[in-house]
Amino acid sequence: MGEIWTVYGRHQLGRSFDLPELGDWAWDIPQAGPGIDVLGEVAGLRVLDLGAGVGRHAARLAALGADVTAVDASPTQHQRALARYPDTPGLRLVCADAVTHLQEADPYDLVYSVSGVPFLDPHRLLPALANGLKPGRRLLFSALHTNSHGLGPSESVTARPEILRLPGTDTEHRVHMWVLEPRLWEDLLVDHGLVVDTVTTINSPQADQPLSYRLYAAHRPERIPSRPRTTAPPAPHAALGVGIIVHGPDGVLLGRHRLGTWEVPGGSVEPGETFVKAVIRELAEETGLIARPDDVQVLGTLLDHVGGVLRLTVPALVTRWSGTPRELEKTIGSWRFWSLDALPQPLFEPSSQCLTAWRQDLPLDHTPADFQPYNHNARHDTWHTG
């Protein structure tokens, strides 16, 4: 896909014609559909433009006081943008894969895309996109619904070929796009933890032109959902484990499980181990971090029942360690520190319970569990997490 847009950008670099600065904001079809007002007040916001192309939309928002990062995977499109906006205040031009950028950047206040989203596999893009938004913040993107030949959207989440014509020529290139029914886009957004606010139809103003787009507006909820743990019974050893909250200046350490959830390190307590020894061993086995016994504070005991099985989890806090997180196990990796006000989603439910036991003010949704704290000041309380 990136090769096509590199060819497109190279073609445009060789033309004498240059696009004018953006006047009226258009999501896809000039003089049709909502304008820039749908974005709301952008001054002071960190904004991401996905598939920014030459950067006209991003430059417009930067002029309004936004701090805009304009990302495009095509080197030639990026070259066009750099030539056009070499030193624009509030505008940062980045040549990168959208998913990679979202995974590495801090979450944004606003993410938008003018026709860029349908060129990427939604199953790859949306997990990164959902976590690339701050809680409560918005996503807006336009997507092709009916092409200029009258072919409507697909009824399954699969890519189909569309034609990209190089401007000023009859040269056509085949590209693959996800041209989906609105209900499929809505389901995908909801499945990845977003709330759909509106879907706006943008039709061509020409009566004989069937071309049509949809503008999707969604937001990330303030509270972070959790995926329930499986009801399958454990192996015939005691269902006793530790959940390790590694917290430092950069936030709390979480890894991505192969099932898609984000989790704190942890695991079962082995025969003969204390909770502290289990924490030290599991932390080293999963992340490569080394903690000493004095670095571990055992917080208490979480009691939960799942599928008729009694499960005990002991959350522990580690605020001193040595080493850097590494991927050491096949089932979990992508370890990184997350700010407490921008935790990823979805969290594994036992991890949410451990985090709530530590910090009851975190906005985490999960089934309740009885928590018995190990109060180091000799005061013993019991409460429910959730």
Protein backbone atom coordinates (compact mmCIF):
# COMPACT_ATOMS: atom_id res chain seq x y z
CA MET A 1 0.00 0.00 0.00
CA GLY A 2 2.80 2.43 0.87
CA GLU A 3 4.40 1.87 -2.54
CA ILE A 4 1.32 3.21 -4.34
CA TRP A 5 1.37 6.43 -2.34
CA THR A 6 5.11 6.76 -2.92
CA VAL A 7 4.41 6.58 -6.66
CA TYR A 8 1.59 9.11 -6.22
CA GLY A 9 3.82 11.50 -4.28
CA ARG A 10 6.65 11.18 -6.81
CA HIS A 11 4.21 12.00 -9.61
CA GLN A 12 2.97 15.09 -7.77
CA LEU A 13 6.53 16.26 -7.06
CA GLY A 14 7.17 16.30 -10.80
CA ARG A 15 4.16 18.48 -11.61
CA SER A 16 4.23 22.26 -11.84
CA PHE A 17 0.67 22.48 -10.50
CA ASP A 18 0.44 23.09 -6.78
CA LEU A 19 -2.60 22.80 -4.56
CA PRO A 20 -3.83 26.06 -3.02
CA GLU A 21 -3.96 26.46 0.73
CA LEU A 22 -7.02 24.93 2.32
CA GLY A 23 -9.95 27.33 2.27
CA ASP A 24 -13.15 25.57 3.22
CA TRP A 25 -12.45 22.37 5.14
CA ALA A 26 -13.65 19.32 3.19
CA TRP A 27 -13.61 15.77 4.49
CA ASP A 28 -13.54 14.31 0.99
CA ILE A 29 -15.93 16.05 -1.38
CA PRO A 30 -15.50 19.83 -1.78
CA GLN A 31 -18.52 21.90 -0.73
CA ALA A 32 -20.26 18.87 0.78
CA GLY A 33 -20.77 17.67 4.32
CA PRO A 34 -19.66 19.22 7.60
CA GLY A 35 -16.67 21.52 7.80
CA ILE A 36 -13.99 22.24 10.35
CA ASP A 37 -16.52 23.09 13.08
CA VAL A 38 -17.16 19.38 13.68
CA LEU A 39 -13.70 19.17 15.27
CA GLY A 40 -14.61 21.70 17.96
CA GLU A 41 -12.12 24.05 19.60
CA VAL A 42 -8.61 22.79 18.82
CA ALA A 43 -6.39 25.51 20.29
CA GLY A 44 -3.97 24.00 22.79
CA LEU A 45 -4.79 20.38 21.89
CA ARG A 46 -2.31 17.70 20.84
CA VAL A 47 -3.73 16.58 17.49
CA LEU A 48 -2.79 13.70 15.19
CA ASP A 49 -3.51 13.69 11.44
CA LEU A 50 -3.31 10.13 10.06
CA GLY A 51 -2.46 9.87 6.38
CA ALA A 52 -1.69 13.57 6.22
CA GLY A 53 -0.42 13.65 2.63
CA VAL A 54 0.85 17.11 1.72
CA GLY A 55 -0.33 18.41 5.11
CA ARG A 56 -2.88 21.07 4.20
CA HIS A 57 -5.44 20.02 6.83
CA ALA A 58 -2.77 19.74 9.52
CA ALA A 59 -1.38 23.19 8.68
CA ARG A 60 -4.88 24.67 8.96
CA LEU A 61 -5.28 23.31 12.50
CA ALA A 62 -1.78 24.43 13.48
CA ALA A 63 -2.75 27.95 12.40
CA LEU A 64 -5.68 27.72 14.85
CA GLY A 65 -3.34 27.03 17.77
CA ALA A 66 -3.27 23.23 17.82
CA ASP A 67 -0.08 21.22 18.34
CA VAL A 68 -0.38 18.97 15.28
CA THR A 69 1.58 15.86 14.34
CA ALA A 70 1.00 14.96 10.67
CA VAL A 71 1.91 11.34 9.91
CA ASP A 72 2.23 9.75 6.48
CA ALA A 73 3.96 6.49 5.56
CA SER A 74 4.95 7.64 2.05
CA PRO A 75 8.44 9.19 1.79
CA THR A 76 7.46 11.22 -1.27
CA GLN A 77 4.26 12.54 0.30
CA HIS A 78 6.34 13.44 3.35
CA GLN A 79 8.82 15.20 1.03
CA ARG A 80 5.98 17.23 -0.48
CA ALA A 81 4.80 18.26 2.97
CA LEU A 82 8.31 19.27 4.07
CA ALA A 83 8.75 21.38 0.94
CA ARG A 84 5.42 23.09 1.45
CA TYR A 85 5.65 23.62 5.24
CA PRO A 86 9.37 23.74 6.11
CA ASP A 87 8.97 25.71 9.32
CA THR A 88 5.32 26.05 10.35
CA PRO A 89 4.74 26.77 14.07
CA GLY A 90 2.72 24.04 15.77
CA LEU A 91 3.18 21.53 12.93
CA ARG A 92 5.38 18.43 13.14
CA LEU A 93 5.71 16.32 9.98
CA VAL A 94 6.49 12.63 10.53
CA CYS A 95 7.18 9.90 7.97
CA ALA A 96 6.12 6.69 9.72
CA ASP A 97 3.72 3.80 9.73
CA ALA A 98 0.54 4.93 11.48
CA VAL A 99 0.32 1.95 13.83
CA THR A 100 3.98 2.16 14.82
CA HIS A 101 3.64 5.87 15.54
CA LEU A 102 0.53 5.34 17.68
CA GLN A 103 2.24 2.60 19.67
CA GLU A 104 5.27 4.78 20.41
CA ALA A 105 3.72 8.23 20.90
CA ASP A 106 1.96 9.61 23.95
CA PRO A 107 -1.86 9.57 23.64
CA TYR A 108 -3.47 12.48 21.78
CA ASP A 109 -6.34 14.84 22.58
CA LEU A 110 -7.78 14.49 19.07
CA VAL A 111 -7.10 12.09 16.19
CA TYR A 112 -8.56 12.65 12.73
CA SER A 113 -8.06 11.32 9.23
CA VAL A 114 -9.35 12.50 5.88
CA SER A 115 -9.83 9.21 3.99
CA GLY A 116 -6.67 7.64 5.43
CA VAL A 117 -8.23 5.03 7.73
CA PRO A 118 -9.79 2.79 5.00
CA PHE A 119 -6.35 2.08 3.52
CA LEU A 120 -5.24 0.25 6.67
CA ASP A 121 -6.42 -3.08 8.06
CA PRO A 122 -8.81 -2.06 10.87
CA HIS A 123 -7.85 -5.09 12.95
CA ARG A 124 -4.27 -3.78 12.97
CA LEU A 125 -5.04 -0.07 13.23
CA LEU A 126 -7.87 0.17 15.76
CA PRO A 127 -6.15 -1.41 18.80
CA ALA A 128 -3.34 1.14 18.49
CA LEU A 129 -5.77 3.93 17.65
CA ALA A 130 -7.97 3.31 20.71
CA ASN A 131 -4.95 3.45 23.01
CA GLY A 132 -3.58 6.45 21.10
CA LEU A 133 -6.41 8.60 22.44
CA LYS A 134 -6.55 10.04 25.92
CA PRO A 135 -9.63 8.91 27.92
CA GLY A 136 -12.62 11.03 26.97
CA ARG A 137 -11.01 12.31 23.76
CA ARG A 138 -12.26 12.09 20.17
CA LEU A 139 -11.59 10.31 16.90
CA LEU A 140 -13.01 11.52 13.56
CA PHE A 141 -12.36 9.94 10.18
CA SER A 142 -14.00 9.85 6.78
CA ALA A 143 -14.37 6.66 4.77
CA LEU A 144 -15.54 5.82 1.26
CA HIS A 145 -19.08 4.40 1.18
CA THR A 146 -20.00 4.31 -2.52
CA ASN A 147 -17.44 4.83 -5.28
CA SER A 148 -17.89 6.96 -8.40
CA HIS A 149 -19.12 3.92 -10.36
CA GLY A 150 -21.95 3.34 -7.88
CA LEU A 151 -20.45 0.31 -6.13
CA GLY A 152 -21.62 0.37 -2.52
CA PRO A 153 -19.91 -0.84 0.65
CA SER A 154 -18.91 -4.40 1.49
CA GLU A 155 -20.90 -6.47 3.97
CA SER A 156 -17.84 -8.16 5.47
CA VAL A 157 -14.63 -6.80 6.97
CA THR A 158 -12.43 -7.46 3.96
CA ALA A 159 -10.43 -5.23 1.65
CA ARG A 160 -11.45 -4.77 -1.97
CA PRO A 161 -9.66 -3.24 -4.97
CA GLU A 162 -10.32 0.38 -5.89
CA ILE A 163 -8.75 2.55 -8.59
CA LEU A 164 -6.38 5.43 -7.87
CA ARG A 165 -5.78 7.68 -10.87
CA LEU A 166 -2.70 9.87 -10.96
CA PRO A 167 -3.83 13.52 -11.26
CA GLY A 168 -3.57 14.98 -14.77
CA THR A 169 -3.13 11.56 -16.40
CA ASP A 170 -5.09 8.49 -17.43
CA THR A 171 -2.70 6.27 -15.46
CA GLU A 172 -4.57 4.09 -12.99
CA HIS A 173 -3.28 2.04 -10.06
CA ARG A 174 -5.13 -0.62 -8.12
CA VAL A 175 -5.26 -0.08 -4.36
CA HIS A 176 -6.92 -2.12 -1.64
CA MET A 177 -9.37 -0.41 0.68
CA TRP A 178 -11.73 -1.38 3.47
CA VAL A 179 -15.00 0.03 2.08
CA LEU A 180 -17.43 -1.16 4.75
CA GLU A 181 -21.07 -0.86 5.69
CA PRO A 182 -21.47 1.74 8.48
CA ARG A 183 -22.67 -0.96 10.90
CA LEU A 184 -19.38 -2.81 10.36
CA TRP A 185 -17.34 0.30 11.11
CA GLU A 186 -19.49 0.92 14.19
CA ASP A 187 -19.03 -2.67 15.39
CA LEU A 188 -15.27 -2.44 14.88
CA LEU A 189 -15.04 0.79 16.83
CA VAL A 190 -17.13 -0.57 19.70
CA ASP A 191 -15.21 -3.86 19.75
CA HIS A 192 -12.02 -1.88 20.28
CA GLY A 193 -13.38 0.06 23.23
CA LEU A 194 -14.62 3.24 21.55
CA VAL A 195 -18.05 4.86 21.75
CA VAL A 196 -19.61 5.90 18.42
CA ASP A 197 -21.16 9.37 18.62
CA THR A 198 -22.34 10.14 15.07
CA VAL A 199 -22.18 8.86 11.50
CA THR A 200 -22.67 11.63 8.93
CA THR A 201 -23.45 11.08 5.25
CA ILE A 202 -21.41 13.10 2.74
CA ASN A 203 -22.87 12.84 -0.77
CA SER A 204 -21.65 14.43 -3.96
CA PRO A 205 -23.58 17.65 -4.73
CA GLN A 206 -23.77 16.53 -8.38
CA ALA A 207 -27.06 14.76 -9.01
CA ASP A 208 -25.57 12.30 -11.51
CA GLN A 209 -22.59 11.39 -9.30
CA PRO A 210 -23.12 8.45 -6.88
CA LEU A 211 -19.91 9.14 -4.93
CA SER A 212 -20.59 9.06 -1.19
CA TYR A 213 -18.56 9.06 2.04
CA ARG A 214 -19.33 8.66 5.72
CA LEU A 215 -17.82 10.71 8.53
CA TYR A 216 -17.44 8.74 11.76
CA ALA A 217 -17.11 10.50 15.12
CA ALA A 218 -16.27 8.46 18.22
CA HIS A 219 -14.56 8.90 21.58
CA ARG A 220 -12.64 6.85 24.08
CA PRO A 221 -14.64 6.46 27.30
CA GLU A 222 -13.37 8.01 30.51
CA ARG A 223 -13.46 4.65 32.27
CA ILE A 224 -11.33 1.79 30.97
CA PRO A 225 -13.14 -1.51 30.28
CA SER A 226 -11.78 -4.89 31.33
CA ARG A 227 -12.01 -8.30 29.69
CA PRO A 228 -13.27 -10.94 32.17
CA ARG A 229 -10.95 -13.85 32.91
CA THR A 230 -11.81 -17.24 31.46
CA THR A 231 -14.12 -19.60 33.36
CA ALA A 232 -11.89 -22.60 32.59
CA PRO A 233 -10.62 -24.19 35.83
CA PRO A 234 -6.91 -23.99 36.59
CA ALA A 235 -4.51 -26.92 36.77
CA PRO A 236 -4.94 -28.92 39.98
CA HIS A 237 -2.65 -26.73 42.07
CA ALA A 238 -3.83 -23.96 44.36
CA ALA A 239 -5.24 -21.02 42.41
CA LEU A 240 -2.96 -18.62 44.20
CA GLY A 241 -1.00 -15.95 42.36
CA VAL A 242 0.68 -12.58 42.61
CA GLY A 243 0.00 -9.41 40.61
CA ILE A 244 3.02 -7.12 40.42
CA ILE A 245 2.51 -3.36 40.19
CA VAL A 246 5.82 -1.92 38.98
CA HIS A 247 5.47 1.83 39.39
CA GLY A 248 8.01 4.55 38.68
CA PRO A 249 8.35 8.08 37.29
CA ASP A 250 7.07 6.97 33.84
CA GLY A 251 3.97 5.23 35.19
CA VAL A 252 2.98 1.60 35.70
CA LEU A 253 4.47 -1.33 33.77
CA LEU A 254 2.03 -3.27 31.54
CA GLY A 255 2.54 -5.95 28.91
CA ARG A 256 0.31 -7.01 26.03
CA HIS A 257 -0.96 -10.60 26.17
CA ARG A 258 -1.40 -12.56 22.95
CA LEU A 259 -5.19 -12.42 23.57
CA GLY A 260 -5.03 -8.62 23.27
CA THR A 261 -5.34 -7.56 26.92
CA TRP A 262 -2.84 -5.44 28.84
CA GLU A 263 -1.61 -6.92 32.10
CA VAL A 264 0.68 -6.34 35.05
CA PRO A 265 3.41 -8.95 35.50
CA GLY A 266 2.48 -11.88 37.70
CA GLY A 267 1.77 -15.56 38.00
CA SER A 268 1.32 -18.50 40.33
CA VAL A 269 2.99 -18.92 43.69
CA GLU A 270 5.18 -22.02 43.52
CA PRO A 271 5.40 -24.58 46.36
CA GLY A 272 7.72 -23.39 49.10
CA GLU A 273 7.67 -19.73 48.00
CA THR A 274 6.68 -16.70 50.01
CA PHE A 275 4.70 -13.99 48.26
CA VAL A 276 7.82 -11.82 48.08
CA LYS A 277 9.88 -14.61 46.52
CA ALA A 278 7.10 -15.27 44.00
CA VAL A 279 7.06 -11.58 43.05
CA ILE A 280 10.83 -11.48 42.54
CA ARG A 281 10.84 -14.68 40.45
CA GLU A 282 7.82 -13.81 38.27
CA LEU A 283 9.11 -10.29 37.63
CA ALA A 284 12.47 -11.63 36.46
CA GLU A 285 10.94 -14.43 34.36
CA GLU A 286 8.42 -12.22 32.53
CA THR A 287 10.26 -8.90 32.19
CA GLY A 288 13.91 -9.40 33.12
CA LEU A 289 13.64 -6.80 35.90
CA ILE A 290 15.49 -7.59 39.13
CA ALA A 291 14.00 -6.66 42.50
CA ARG A 292 15.29 -7.34 46.00
CA PRO A 293 13.11 -8.43 48.94
CA ASP A 294 13.27 -4.93 50.44
CA ASP A 295 11.91 -3.53 47.13
CA VAL A 296 8.63 -5.49 47.39
CA GLN A 297 5.59 -4.32 49.36
CA VAL A 298 2.83 -6.93 49.59
CA LEU A 299 -0.46 -5.01 49.63
CA GLY A 300 -3.01 -7.63 50.64
CA THR A 301 -5.19 -10.46 49.35
CA LEU A 302 -7.86 -10.36 46.64
CA LEU A 303 -10.54 -13.05 46.86
CA ASP A 304 -12.54 -13.82 43.71
CA HIS A 305 -14.78 -16.64 42.44
CA VAL A 306 -14.79 -17.49 38.73
CA GLY A 307 -16.65 -20.49 37.33
CA GLY A 308 -16.96 -22.08 40.77
CA VAL A 309 -13.21 -21.81 41.37
CA LEU A 310 -11.82 -19.84 44.29
CA ARG A 311 -8.95 -17.60 43.18
CA LEU A 312 -6.62 -15.71 45.47
CA THR A 313 -4.44 -12.94 44.06
CA VAL A 314 -1.87 -11.06 46.10
CA PRO A 315 -1.10 -7.60 44.65
CA ALA A 316 2.39 -6.33 45.40
CA LEU A 317 4.01 -2.95 44.75
CA VAL A 318 7.56 -2.62 43.40
CA THR A 319 9.00 0.90 43.16
CA ARG A 320 12.71 0.03 42.94
CA TRP A 321 14.34 -2.38 40.52
CA SER A 322 17.27 -2.80 38.17
CA GLY A 323 17.25 -3.56 34.46
CA THR A 324 15.06 -2.73 31.48
CA PRO A 325 11.84 -4.62 30.57
CA ARG A 326 12.38 -7.30 27.90
CA GLU A 327 10.16 -9.77 26.07
CA LEU A 328 11.01 -13.15 27.59
CA GLU A 329 7.79 -15.15 27.21
CA LYS A 330 5.76 -16.02 24.11
CA THR A 331 2.40 -15.22 25.67
CA ILE A 332 3.12 -11.66 26.77
CA GLY A 333 5.40 -8.84 25.66
CA SER A 334 5.45 -5.21 24.45
CA TRP A 335 6.31 -4.13 27.99
CA ARG A 336 6.15 -0.39 28.55
CA PHE A 337 5.29 2.11 31.25
CA TRP A 338 1.90 3.81 31.01
CA SER A 339 0.83 7.01 32.73
CA LEU A 340 -1.95 6.42 35.26
CA ASP A 341 -4.14 8.99 33.49
CA ALA A 342 -3.76 7.26 30.10
CA LEU A 343 -3.88 3.52 30.77
CA PRO A 344 -4.40 1.27 27.73
CA GLN A 345 -7.46 -0.85 27.09
CA PRO A 346 -8.66 -3.45 27.57
CA LEU A 347 -7.00 -4.43 30.83
CA PHE A 348 -7.02 -8.03 32.06
CA GLU A 349 -9.58 -8.15 34.86
CA PRO A 350 -7.24 -9.47 37.62
CA SER A 351 -4.79 -6.70 36.71
CA SER A 352 -7.58 -4.12 37.06
CA GLN A 353 -8.47 -5.58 40.46
CA CYS A 354 -4.83 -5.35 41.61
CA LEU A 355 -4.51 -1.76 40.39
CA THR A 356 -7.76 -0.79 42.16
CA ALA A 357 -6.55 -2.43 45.38
CA TRP A 358 -3.48 -0.21 45.16
CA ARG A 359 -5.18 2.98 43.94
CA GLN A 360 -8.95 3.13 44.44
CA ASP A 361 -9.17 6.42 42.52
CA LEU A 362 -8.25 4.83 39.16
CA PRO A 363 -11.21 4.78 36.69
CA LEU A 364 -11.23 1.01 36.11
CA ASP A 365 -14.30 -1.10 35.39
CA HIS A 366 -14.22 -4.75 36.49
CA THR A 367 -16.15 -7.29 38.53
CA PRO A 368 -15.75 -6.73 42.28
CA ALA A 369 -13.41 -8.80 44.45
CA ASP A 370 -12.97 -8.85 48.23
CA PHE A 371 -9.72 -7.17 49.23
CA GLN A 372 -8.07 -7.69 52.60
CA PRO A 373 -5.18 -5.23 52.95
CA TYR A 374 -1.96 -6.02 54.75
CA ASN A 375 -1.89 -2.76 56.66
CA HIS A 376 1.66 -2.01 57.69
CA ASN A 377 0.41 0.41 60.33
CA ALA A 378 -1.45 -2.39 62.15
CA ARG A 379 -4.91 -1.18 61.07
CA HIS A 380 -6.94 -3.87 59.30
CA ASP A 381 -9.80 -3.02 56.92
CA THR A 382 -11.78 -4.93 54.34
CA TRP A 383 -13.36 -3.46 51.20
CA HIS A 384 -14.51 -4.42 47.74
CA THR A 385 -12.56 -3.50 44.60
CA GLY A 386 -15.13 -2.27 42.10
